[in-house]
Amino acid sequence: MYHARSLVTKFSSRVKLRDSQDIAKSNAHPLVVDNIGFEGLASSFSLDKAHLIEVLKKGVSVIRIGKKGKMSSLNLFVQYPFTHIKYGRKLILLSDVEEVRRGMKSREFDTAKSTAYAAEMCLSLIWAKGEQTLNVVFPSAQMFDIWWRGFIDMINAAKNADDEDNYLARKWEKVTGGRNEIDEKKLQLLLKKLNLRAPIKEVKQRLMEVDENNNGKLDYEEMCILFNKLRERGEIREIFDAYKMGGVVTPRDLSRFMRTEQGEDLDDAACEGIMRHFLALHDPQYQEADAPKLSLAQFESFLTTDINHVSRSSSLGVHMDMTMPLTHYFIASSHNTYLQAGQLKGLSSVEQYRTVFKLGCRCVELDIWDGEDGEPIITHGHTLTSKIPFHSVVQCVKDYAFVGSEYPVILSLENHCSRPQQAKMAQYFKDILGDMLATHSQQKGCMAALPSPYELRGKVLLKGKTIGTASEEAAFELERAEEEGGKADQVW
């Protein structure tokens, strides 16, 4: 079988280009657009696409919010031919961007010293699995609208494209400085940047085969030929040659391949639908009127996309019985959710809650302590970790708890607060979460068992203890220390 997941072991190869973030756009995650909190905001955007492109090329001066909330001015623009976002001297590949957020919704905005900026003019780009962010404030609402629309359109276009020619051209220009030939030393550097691993001996042999002038240098066209020779996988070509008709794979050919090699009973019509879907996503030149057909490169790409996933599509999502009591399930949980790093002196961040909710986590922890001015805070007590406002985390729960899953979220409360600040906590839960909060009054009669995840969809459950007297707090600390295998904190 040659499904996407089995292909990794079935066809091992030194050439990993298709696994590269830069070029494997057929497997790229779709862009997440986070407009939560601004859905009803009217847009002042009115430019057509041609004028939009001109604005993005020209660029705009923005305020950047960096690490620890540090602010600086820089120029932001999309670099022609619209493959990169450039800010200052740095570049972001458009296809690498995973999420576009509107508002002050990143760890950098959370720690920014100034709150004078209007949230509706703040934007964050997220990439590298949430590890990298670009946070900017635009000078006007109109300019924000233009760039918001521009980012979404161009990032989606970059993710849907599968244009290796443009990719090679960009890398060629970067390595050669725009010159029209490359020597052996620079060629090795280019192949490394292309994530194409091949023995030096083979590279030299292939170089001699394609070097028409015999001068030890290649022009761009010769480099493309060399590149294709080095990355060709003989085992896939054998399969392609066995099923192709007239140099390409047609729906009838694909049907034979599916039945014979993968054991899937798909007729010609079903395979035509699959091919049309694949080509619409990965071939910018494909038109609906065209008869669907796959070249060798497209056939190889098809084998490794989710369209040819080894698992049934019905089993990729939630397909289990979700109507049993809540206690019948394992629950994806997070401990010390608020911490970005170490438990002794690491940073605490609301961003951590956004991240785990988007990954589908259903139980998060809130360590809550008395803060200044009667406001509860979340931190790792008796350590040097930073503090975040309790109400900011509750707001994050409201906005993001059900982005990754509709099933209930459990807030595991490690409560160290005095009674006045516990009352403040309760008020925040009621005011911010409202009907999302699961309460006893919502359940009919006496419960013999907990409700099911299905019944609790979209609900937030609170799990914790209240503390009243000093003796109750001391007992809580002792129980907590015993659970963690340590010594109880002294309660004053």
Protein backbone atom coordinates (compact mmCIF):
# COMPACT_ATOMS: atom_id res chain seq x y z
CA MET A 1 0.00 0.00 0.00
CA TYR A 2 1.19 3.49 -0.74
CA HIS A 3 -0.87 5.71 1.56
CA ALA A 4 0.53 8.97 2.90
CA ARG A 5 1.55 7.58 6.27
CA SER A 6 2.85 4.21 5.07
CA LEU A 7 4.90 5.86 2.34
CA VAL A 8 7.34 7.23 4.90
CA THR A 9 8.61 3.75 5.74
CA LYS A 10 7.69 2.00 2.49
CA PHE A 11 9.70 4.41 0.38
CA SER A 12 12.58 5.71 2.48
CA SER A 13 14.78 8.16 0.62
CA ARG A 14 17.54 10.67 1.26
CA VAL A 15 15.57 13.29 -0.65
CA LYS A 16 13.26 15.02 1.83
CA LEU A 17 12.08 17.98 -0.22
CA ARG A 18 8.45 17.01 0.03
CA ASP A 19 8.72 17.02 3.83
CA SER A 20 10.18 20.54 3.88
CA GLN A 21 8.00 23.28 5.37
CA ASP A 22 8.94 25.57 2.49
CA ILE A 23 7.60 23.38 -0.29
CA ALA A 24 5.24 20.72 1.10
CA LYS A 25 2.25 22.97 0.77
CA SER A 26 0.02 20.06 -0.17
CA ASN A 27 0.21 19.02 3.49
CA ALA A 28 0.24 22.55 4.97
CA HIS A 29 -2.24 23.26 7.71
CA PRO A 30 -4.98 25.71 6.70
CA LEU A 31 -4.68 29.27 7.95
CA VAL A 32 -6.51 29.97 11.23
CA VAL A 33 -8.20 33.39 11.23
CA ASP A 34 -8.93 34.65 14.75
CA ASN A 35 -11.36 37.57 14.68
CA ILE A 36 -12.90 36.69 18.06
CA GLY A 37 -14.26 39.77 19.78
CA PHE A 38 -14.44 41.89 16.62
CA GLU A 39 -17.08 40.05 14.58
CA GLY A 40 -19.50 42.98 14.50
CA LEU A 41 -16.90 45.62 13.69
CA ALA A 42 -17.64 47.39 10.40
CA SER A 43 -14.83 47.39 7.84
CA SER A 44 -13.66 50.51 6.05
CA PHE A 45 -11.87 48.43 3.40
CA SER A 46 -12.83 49.22 -0.20
CA LEU A 47 -9.73 48.60 -2.40
CA ASP A 48 -9.86 46.25 -5.37
CA LYS A 49 -7.22 43.52 -5.65
CA ALA A 50 -4.87 45.50 -7.93
CA HIS A 51 -4.74 48.45 -5.55
CA LEU A 52 -4.44 46.12 -2.57
CA ILE A 53 -1.29 44.58 -4.07
CA GLU A 54 0.20 48.03 -4.64
CA VAL A 55 -0.39 48.99 -1.00
CA LEU A 56 1.17 45.75 0.26
CA LYS A 57 4.21 46.26 -1.99
CA LYS A 58 4.64 49.85 -0.84
CA GLY A 59 4.43 48.87 2.83
CA VAL A 60 3.38 50.62 6.01
CA SER A 61 5.06 51.95 9.16
CA VAL A 62 3.84 50.06 12.24
CA ILE A 63 4.63 49.70 15.93
CA ARG A 64 6.07 46.29 16.73
CA ILE A 65 5.50 44.72 20.14
CA GLY A 66 8.50 42.48 20.82
CA LYS A 67 9.64 40.24 23.65
CA LYS A 68 8.64 41.37 27.15
CA GLY A 69 6.36 43.97 25.57
CA LYS A 70 9.21 46.07 24.11
CA MET A 71 7.96 48.52 21.46
CA SER A 72 9.73 49.69 18.29
CA SER A 73 8.88 51.22 14.90
CA LEU A 74 9.50 49.36 11.64
CA ASN A 75 8.38 49.10 8.03
CA LEU A 76 6.20 46.17 7.04
CA PHE A 77 5.57 45.06 3.46
CA VAL A 78 4.98 41.99 1.30
CA GLN A 79 8.01 41.26 -0.88
CA TYR A 80 7.47 40.67 -4.60
CA PRO A 81 6.66 38.07 -5.98
CA PHE A 82 4.51 37.84 -2.86
CA THR A 83 6.22 34.90 -1.20
CA HIS A 84 7.53 36.66 1.92
CA ILE A 85 6.48 39.22 4.49
CA LYS A 86 9.37 41.54 5.27
CA TYR A 87 9.62 43.46 8.53
CA GLY A 88 12.80 45.37 9.22
CA ARG A 89 15.56 43.08 7.93
CA LYS A 90 13.68 39.85 8.63
CA LEU A 91 11.52 37.69 6.37
CA ILE A 92 8.59 35.35 7.00
CA LEU A 93 7.56 32.85 4.33
CA LEU A 94 3.83 33.44 3.72
CA SER A 95 3.08 29.72 3.53
CA ASP A 96 4.61 29.20 7.01
CA VAL A 97 2.12 31.49 8.76
CA GLU A 98 -0.31 29.36 10.77
CA GLU A 99 -2.61 31.97 12.25
CA VAL A 100 -3.66 35.59 11.90
CA ARG A 101 -5.13 37.18 15.04
CA ARG A 102 -6.91 40.45 15.56
CA GLY A 103 -6.60 42.15 18.93
CA MET A 104 -4.12 41.97 21.80
CA LYS A 105 -3.95 38.17 21.85
CA SER A 106 -0.34 37.09 22.24
CA ARG A 107 2.15 36.75 25.07
CA GLU A 108 3.91 39.87 23.80
CA PHE A 109 0.72 41.93 23.92
CA ASP A 110 -0.08 40.41 27.32
CA THR A 111 3.18 41.79 28.72
CA ALA A 112 3.20 45.11 26.82
CA LYS A 113 3.72 48.09 29.11
CA SER A 114 1.34 50.35 27.18
CA THR A 115 -2.37 49.68 26.77
CA ALA A 116 -2.97 52.94 24.90
CA TYR A 117 -3.35 51.17 21.56
CA ALA A 118 -6.80 50.32 20.24
CA ALA A 119 -7.18 46.53 20.27
CA GLU A 120 -8.99 46.56 16.90
CA MET A 121 -5.80 47.90 15.23
CA CYS A 122 -3.53 45.22 16.73
CA LEU A 123 -2.56 42.14 14.69
CA SER A 124 -0.46 39.04 15.36
CA LEU A 125 1.02 36.56 12.88
CA ILE A 126 1.80 33.15 14.39
CA TRP A 127 4.13 30.50 12.91
CA ALA A 128 6.52 27.68 13.91
CA LYS A 129 3.78 25.91 15.91
CA GLY A 130 3.14 29.00 17.98
CA GLU A 131 6.78 29.54 18.91
CA GLN A 132 7.28 32.58 16.64
CA THR A 133 5.06 35.68 16.48
CA LEU A 134 5.02 39.08 14.83
CA ASN A 135 2.86 41.54 16.77
CA VAL A 136 2.14 44.94 15.26
CA VAL A 137 -0.12 47.97 15.76
CA PHE A 138 -1.35 49.73 12.61
CA PRO A 139 -1.60 53.53 12.38
CA SER A 140 -5.30 53.58 11.42
CA ALA A 141 -8.38 51.38 11.21
CA GLN A 142 -8.42 51.71 7.41
CA MET A 143 -4.80 50.58 7.11
CA PHE A 144 -5.53 47.66 9.44
CA ASP A 145 -8.46 46.54 7.25
CA ILE A 146 -6.29 46.62 4.12
CA TRP A 147 -3.51 44.52 5.68
CA TRP A 148 -5.92 42.16 7.42
CA ARG A 149 -7.57 41.34 4.10
CA GLY A 150 -4.20 41.29 2.30
CA PHE A 151 -2.58 38.90 4.76
CA ILE A 152 -5.50 36.47 4.68
CA ASP A 153 -5.74 36.42 0.87
CA MET A 154 -2.01 36.07 0.21
CA ILE A 155 -1.29 33.55 2.94
CA ASN A 156 -4.15 31.34 1.76
CA ALA A 157 -2.91 31.63 -1.83
CA ALA A 158 0.62 30.67 -0.74
CA LYS A 159 -0.66 27.68 1.23
CA ASN A 160 -2.79 26.40 -1.66
CA ALA A 161 -0.03 26.82 -4.24
CA ASP A 162 2.41 24.04 -5.07
CA ASP A 163 4.71 25.96 -7.37
CA GLU A 164 8.17 24.41 -7.21
CA ASP A 165 9.41 26.60 -10.04
CA ASN A 166 8.89 29.77 -7.99
CA TYR A 167 10.40 28.07 -4.96
CA LEU A 168 13.54 27.10 -6.88
CA ALA A 169 13.78 30.56 -8.42
CA ARG A 170 13.70 32.23 -5.01
CA LYS A 171 16.43 29.98 -3.63
CA TRP A 172 18.50 30.38 -6.80
CA GLU A 173 18.34 34.18 -6.58
CA LYS A 174 19.26 34.14 -2.89
CA VAL A 175 22.34 31.93 -3.41
CA THR A 176 23.57 33.45 -6.68
CA GLY A 177 22.71 37.06 -5.93
CA GLY A 178 20.68 37.24 -9.14
CA ARG A 179 23.46 35.97 -11.43
CA ASN A 180 22.68 33.46 -14.17
CA GLU A 181 25.16 30.72 -13.32
CA ILE A 182 26.32 28.75 -10.34
CA ASP A 183 29.56 26.89 -9.62
CA GLU A 184 29.96 23.59 -7.76
CA LYS A 185 30.58 25.21 -4.36
CA LYS A 186 27.48 27.38 -4.58
CA LEU A 187 25.53 24.42 -5.93
CA GLN A 188 26.23 22.44 -2.76
CA LEU A 189 24.92 25.39 -0.73
CA LEU A 190 21.80 25.63 -2.89
CA LEU A 191 21.04 21.91 -2.52
CA LYS A 192 21.40 22.25 1.24
CA LYS A 193 18.95 25.15 1.27
CA LEU A 194 16.58 23.04 -0.82
CA ASN A 195 16.78 20.32 1.86
CA LEU A 196 17.98 17.89 -0.81
CA ARG A 197 20.58 15.49 0.59
CA ALA A 198 22.74 13.62 -1.90
CA PRO A 199 26.31 12.23 -1.85
CA ILE A 200 28.91 14.62 -3.28
CA LYS A 201 30.04 11.93 -5.74
CA GLU A 202 26.55 11.61 -7.21
CA VAL A 203 26.11 15.38 -7.41
CA LYS A 204 29.37 15.69 -9.38
CA GLN A 205 28.35 12.88 -11.72
CA ARG A 206 24.93 14.42 -12.39
CA LEU A 207 26.50 17.85 -12.83
CA MET A 208 28.71 16.49 -15.64
CA GLU A 209 25.62 14.96 -17.31
CA VAL A 210 23.71 18.25 -17.48
CA ASP A 211 26.62 20.70 -17.97
CA GLU A 212 26.30 21.33 -21.70
CA ASN A 213 29.23 23.78 -21.84
CA ASN A 214 31.54 21.54 -19.80
CA ASN A 215 32.73 24.56 -17.81
CA GLY A 216 31.81 23.27 -14.35
CA LYS A 217 28.98 25.79 -14.04
CA LEU A 218 25.23 25.54 -14.50
CA ASP A 219 22.68 28.07 -15.63
CA TYR A 220 19.21 28.10 -14.11
CA GLU A 221 17.67 25.71 -16.65
CA GLU A 222 20.49 23.19 -16.21
CA MET A 223 20.16 23.44 -12.44
CA CYS A 224 16.44 22.55 -12.70
CA ILE A 225 17.30 19.44 -14.72
CA LEU A 226 19.94 18.45 -12.17
CA PHE A 227 17.52 19.05 -9.32
CA ASN A 228 14.87 16.79 -10.84
CA LYS A 229 17.42 14.04 -11.50
CA LEU A 230 18.65 14.10 -7.89
CA ARG A 231 15.21 14.05 -6.32
CA GLU A 232 13.69 11.39 -8.58
CA ARG A 233 12.61 8.31 -6.65
CA GLY A 234 12.99 5.17 -8.73
CA GLU A 235 10.48 3.13 -6.74
CA ILE A 236 7.72 5.69 -7.39
CA ARG A 237 8.60 5.93 -11.07
CA GLU A 238 8.26 2.15 -11.36
CA ILE A 239 4.69 2.37 -10.01
CA PHE A 240 3.90 5.34 -12.23
CA ASP A 241 5.22 3.60 -15.33
CA ALA A 242 3.22 0.46 -14.50
CA TYR A 243 -0.11 2.31 -14.46
CA LYS A 244 0.29 5.33 -16.77
CA MET A 245 -1.23 5.57 -20.22
CA GLY A 246 0.23 8.06 -22.68
CA GLY A 247 2.69 9.48 -20.17
CA VAL A 248 0.11 10.45 -17.51
CA VAL A 249 -2.19 8.75 -14.98
CA THR A 250 -5.88 9.06 -15.88
CA PRO A 251 -8.90 8.32 -13.62
CA ARG A 252 -9.06 4.80 -15.08
CA ASP A 253 -5.34 4.29 -14.35
CA LEU A 254 -5.77 5.56 -10.80
CA SER A 255 -8.70 3.21 -10.30
CA ARG A 256 -6.51 0.25 -11.28
CA PHE A 257 -3.79 1.48 -8.93
CA MET A 258 -6.24 1.85 -6.05
CA ARG A 259 -7.72 -1.60 -6.54
CA THR A 260 -4.46 -3.46 -7.16
CA GLU A 261 -1.98 -1.73 -4.85
CA GLN A 262 -4.09 -0.22 -2.09
CA GLY A 263 -7.04 -2.62 -1.95
CA GLU A 264 -9.59 0.18 -2.33
CA ASP A 265 -12.62 -0.51 -4.50
CA LEU A 266 -12.91 2.84 -6.28
CA ASP A 267 -14.38 3.07 -9.77
CA ASP A 268 -13.37 5.49 -12.53
CA ALA A 269 -15.94 8.12 -11.50
CA ALA A 270 -14.78 8.12 -7.87
CA CYS A 271 -11.15 8.44 -8.94
CA GLU A 272 -12.02 11.29 -11.29
CA GLY A 273 -13.58 13.15 -8.34
CA ILE A 274 -10.50 12.52 -6.20
CA MET A 275 -8.18 13.74 -8.96
CA ARG A 276 -10.24 16.88 -9.61
CA HIS A 277 -10.20 17.69 -5.89
CA PHE A 278 -6.44 17.17 -5.71
CA LEU A 279 -5.69 19.24 -8.82
CA ALA A 280 -7.97 22.08 -7.72
CA LEU A 281 -5.93 22.34 -4.52
CA HIS A 282 -2.44 21.86 -5.91
CA ASP A 283 -2.33 22.93 -9.56
CA PRO A 284 -2.95 26.67 -10.09
CA GLN A 285 -3.34 26.15 -13.85
CA TYR A 286 -6.00 23.44 -13.55
CA GLN A 287 -9.43 24.30 -14.97
CA GLU A 288 -12.66 22.40 -14.30
CA ALA A 289 -13.15 21.88 -18.02
CA ASP A 290 -9.82 20.04 -18.25
CA ALA A 291 -9.74 16.24 -18.20
CA PRO A 292 -7.99 15.30 -14.93
CA LYS A 293 -4.58 13.67 -15.29
CA LEU A 294 -1.49 13.32 -13.12
CA SER A 295 2.13 13.75 -14.14
CA LEU A 296 4.87 11.85 -12.31
CA ALA A 297 5.47 14.78 -9.94
CA GLN A 298 1.74 15.16 -9.28
CA PHE A 299 1.32 11.43 -8.72
CA GLU A 300 4.14 11.48 -6.17
CA SER A 301 2.57 14.48 -4.45
CA PHE A 302 -0.84 12.76 -4.42
CA LEU A 303 0.60 9.70 -2.65
CA THR A 304 1.80 11.82 0.27
CA THR A 305 -1.20 14.12 0.78
CA ASP A 306 -4.06 13.73 3.24
CA ILE A 307 -6.34 12.96 0.28
CA ASN A 308 -4.60 9.55 0.22
CA HIS A 309 -4.47 9.18 4.00
CA VAL A 310 -3.93 5.66 5.35
CA SER A 311 -6.83 6.03 7.82
CA ARG A 312 -10.50 6.25 6.94
CA SER A 313 -11.68 9.85 6.98
CA SER A 314 -14.43 8.89 9.44
CA SER A 315 -11.81 7.83 12.00
CA LEU A 316 -9.79 11.06 11.86
CA GLY A 317 -12.27 13.00 13.98
CA VAL A 318 -14.31 12.07 17.04
CA HIS A 319 -16.11 8.84 16.17
CA MET A 320 -16.51 7.24 19.60
CA ASP A 321 -19.68 7.11 21.70
CA MET A 322 -19.70 10.41 23.62
CA THR A 323 -22.96 9.79 25.51
CA MET A 324 -21.50 7.92 28.50
CA PRO A 325 -20.93 9.65 31.88
CA LEU A 326 -17.95 11.99 31.95
CA THR A 327 -16.05 9.67 34.29
CA HIS A 328 -15.91 6.98 31.57
CA TYR A 329 -13.37 8.90 29.47
CA PHE A 330 -9.70 9.77 29.50
CA ILE A 331 -9.43 13.57 29.41
CA ALA A 332 -6.66 15.51 27.66
CA SER A 333 -5.25 17.56 30.54
CA SER A 334 -2.61 20.20 31.19
CA HIS A 335 -0.65 20.79 34.41
CA ASN A 336 0.61 24.29 35.32
CA THR A 337 -0.92 25.42 32.05
CA TYR A 338 0.06 29.06 32.50
CA LEU A 339 3.84 28.41 32.56
CA GLN A 340 5.93 28.90 29.43
CA ALA A 341 9.03 27.31 30.94
CA GLY A 342 10.44 26.35 34.36
CA GLN A 343 8.39 26.10 37.52
CA LEU A 344 10.80 28.18 39.64
CA LYS A 345 11.39 31.35 37.62
CA GLY A 346 9.66 30.89 34.29
CA LEU A 347 7.21 33.27 32.62
CA SER A 348 3.45 32.88 33.03
CA SER A 349 1.31 33.74 30.00
CA VAL A 350 -2.32 33.78 28.89
CA GLU A 351 -0.96 32.61 25.50
CA GLN A 352 -0.39 29.14 26.98
CA TYR A 353 -4.14 28.74 27.50
CA ARG A 354 -4.89 29.82 23.93
CA THR A 355 -2.37 27.28 22.64
CA VAL A 356 -3.61 24.25 24.59
CA PHE A 357 -7.26 24.98 23.82
CA LYS A 358 -6.49 25.05 20.10
CA LEU A 359 -4.74 21.68 20.48
CA GLY A 360 -7.94 20.24 21.97
CA CYS A 361 -6.94 20.13 25.65
CA ARG A 362 -10.06 19.78 27.82
CA CYS A 363 -8.73 20.27 31.34
CA VAL A 364 -6.47 23.19 32.29
CA GLU A 365 -5.05 24.29 35.62
CA LEU A 366 -5.39 27.68 37.30
CA ASP A 367 -3.21 28.32 40.38
CA ILE A 368 -4.96 31.30 41.94
CA TRP A 369 -3.53 33.58 44.65
CA ASP A 370 -4.42 36.88 46.28
CA GLY A 371 -3.19 39.79 44.18
CA GLU A 372 -2.87 43.51 44.71
CA ASP A 373 -5.90 45.84 44.79
CA GLY A 374 -8.19 42.92 45.56
CA GLU A 375 -7.59 41.30 42.13
CA PRO A 376 -6.81 37.54 42.04
CA ILE A 377 -3.74 36.48 40.07
CA ILE A 378 -2.43 33.24 38.56
CA THR A 379 1.13 32.20 39.34
CA HIS A 380 3.20 29.32 40.72
CA GLY A 381 3.16 30.18 44.42
CA HIS A 382 6.32 30.68 46.51
CA THR A 383 8.48 30.90 43.36
CA LEU A 384 9.89 33.62 41.10
CA THR A 385 7.49 32.90 38.24
CA SER A 386 5.65 35.91 36.81
CA LYS A 387 1.98 36.70 37.48
CA ILE A 388 -1.00 37.13 35.15
CA PRO A 389 -4.44 38.57 35.98
CA PHE A 390 -7.07 35.97 36.80
CA HIS A 391 -9.78 37.78 34.83
CA SER A 392 -7.58 37.70 31.66
CA VAL A 393 -7.44 33.91 31.82
CA VAL A 394 -11.21 33.65 32.34
CA GLN A 395 -11.73 35.88 29.29
CA CYS A 396 -9.38 33.62 27.34
CA VAL A 397 -11.47 30.61 28.40
CA LYS A 398 -14.58 32.30 27.03
CA ASP A 399 -12.92 33.16 23.72
CA TYR A 400 -10.90 30.00 23.04
CA ALA A 401 -12.20 27.05 25.09
CA PHE A 402 -14.17 25.58 22.20
CA VAL A 403 -12.02 26.52 19.23
CA GLY A 404 -10.37 23.08 19.13
CA SER A 405 -13.27 20.95 20.39
CA GLU A 406 -16.93 21.35 21.29
CA TYR A 407 -16.70 19.05 24.31
CA PRO A 408 -16.67 20.43 27.88
CA VAL A 409 -13.71 22.22 29.40
CA ILE A 410 -12.75 21.59 33.02
CA LEU A 411 -11.00 24.35 34.95
CA SER A 412 -8.92 22.73 37.66
CA LEU A 413 -8.72 25.42 40.35
CA GLU A 414 -5.85 25.35 42.82
CA ASN A 415 -7.36 27.95 45.09
CA HIS A 416 -5.14 29.85 47.55
CA CYS A 417 -7.27 32.98 47.77
CA SER A 418 -8.84 34.67 50.78
CA ARG A 419 -12.62 34.73 50.99
CA PRO A 420 -12.93 38.29 49.57
CA GLN A 421 -10.88 37.37 46.50
CA GLN A 422 -12.74 34.07 46.15
CA ALA A 423 -15.90 36.17 45.89
CA LYS A 424 -14.17 38.20 43.16
CA MET A 425 -13.29 34.97 41.34
CA ALA A 426 -16.90 33.79 41.49
CA GLN A 427 -18.10 37.14 40.13
CA TYR A 428 -15.67 36.95 37.19
CA PHE A 429 -16.81 33.41 36.38
CA LYS A 430 -20.45 34.52 36.34
CA ASP A 431 -19.96 37.82 34.51
CA ILE A 432 -17.53 36.57 31.83
CA LEU A 433 -18.63 32.98 31.23
CA GLY A 434 -22.37 33.46 31.81
CA ASP A 435 -24.40 30.58 30.39
CA MET A 436 -21.20 28.73 29.41
CA LEU A 437 -20.72 27.89 33.09
CA ALA A 438 -22.14 24.49 34.07
CA THR A 439 -24.11 24.75 37.34
CA HIS A 440 -26.24 22.42 39.47
CA SER A 441 -29.34 24.38 38.52
CA GLN A 442 -28.89 23.32 34.91
CA GLN A 443 -29.21 19.65 35.84
CA LYS A 444 -32.66 18.15 36.31
CA GLY A 445 -33.14 16.28 39.58
CA CYS A 446 -30.50 14.38 41.54
CA MET A 447 -27.65 13.02 39.44
CA ALA A 448 -26.76 9.35 39.86
CA ALA A 449 -23.81 9.95 37.53
CA LEU A 450 -22.12 12.87 35.84
CA PRO A 451 -23.58 14.06 32.52
CA SER A 452 -21.94 12.91 29.29
CA PRO A 453 -19.50 14.95 27.18
CA TYR A 454 -22.25 15.16 24.57
CA GLU A 455 -24.69 16.70 27.04
CA LEU A 456 -22.03 19.14 28.28
CA ARG A 457 -20.96 20.43 24.88
CA GLY A 458 -19.99 24.09 25.06
CA LYS A 459 -19.96 24.08 28.86
CA VAL A 460 -17.22 25.02 31.34
CA LEU A 461 -16.95 22.96 34.54
CA LEU A 462 -15.21 24.16 37.71
CA LYS A 463 -13.21 21.63 39.74
CA GLY A 464 -11.73 22.78 43.04
CA LYS A 465 -12.20 23.63 46.70
CA THR A 466 -13.12 26.76 48.55
CA ILE A 467 -11.00 27.83 51.53
CA GLY A 468 -12.46 29.64 54.51
CA THR A 469 -10.44 29.36 57.71
CA ALA A 470 -6.72 29.10 58.38
CA SER A 471 -7.15 25.46 59.38
CA GLU A 472 -8.90 24.67 56.09
CA GLU A 473 -6.08 26.35 54.17
CA ALA A 474 -3.46 24.45 56.15
CA ALA A 475 -5.25 21.17 55.44
CA PHE A 476 -5.41 22.06 51.74
CA GLU A 477 -1.66 22.78 51.59
CA LEU A 478 -0.88 19.52 53.41
CA GLU A 479 -3.05 17.50 51.01
CA ARG A 480 -1.48 19.23 47.99
CA ALA A 481 2.06 18.57 49.24
CA GLU A 482 1.30 14.91 49.87
CA GLU A 483 -0.08 14.55 46.34
CA GLU A 484 3.11 16.10 44.90
CA GLY A 485 5.36 14.05 47.22
CA GLY A 486 6.85 17.14 48.83
CA LYS A 487 6.72 19.13 52.03
CA ALA A 488 3.68 21.25 52.83
CA ASP A 489 4.08 25.01 52.58
CA GLN A 490 3.86 26.74 55.96
CA VAL A 491 0.61 28.67 56.30
CA TRP A 492 0.80 31.94 58.20
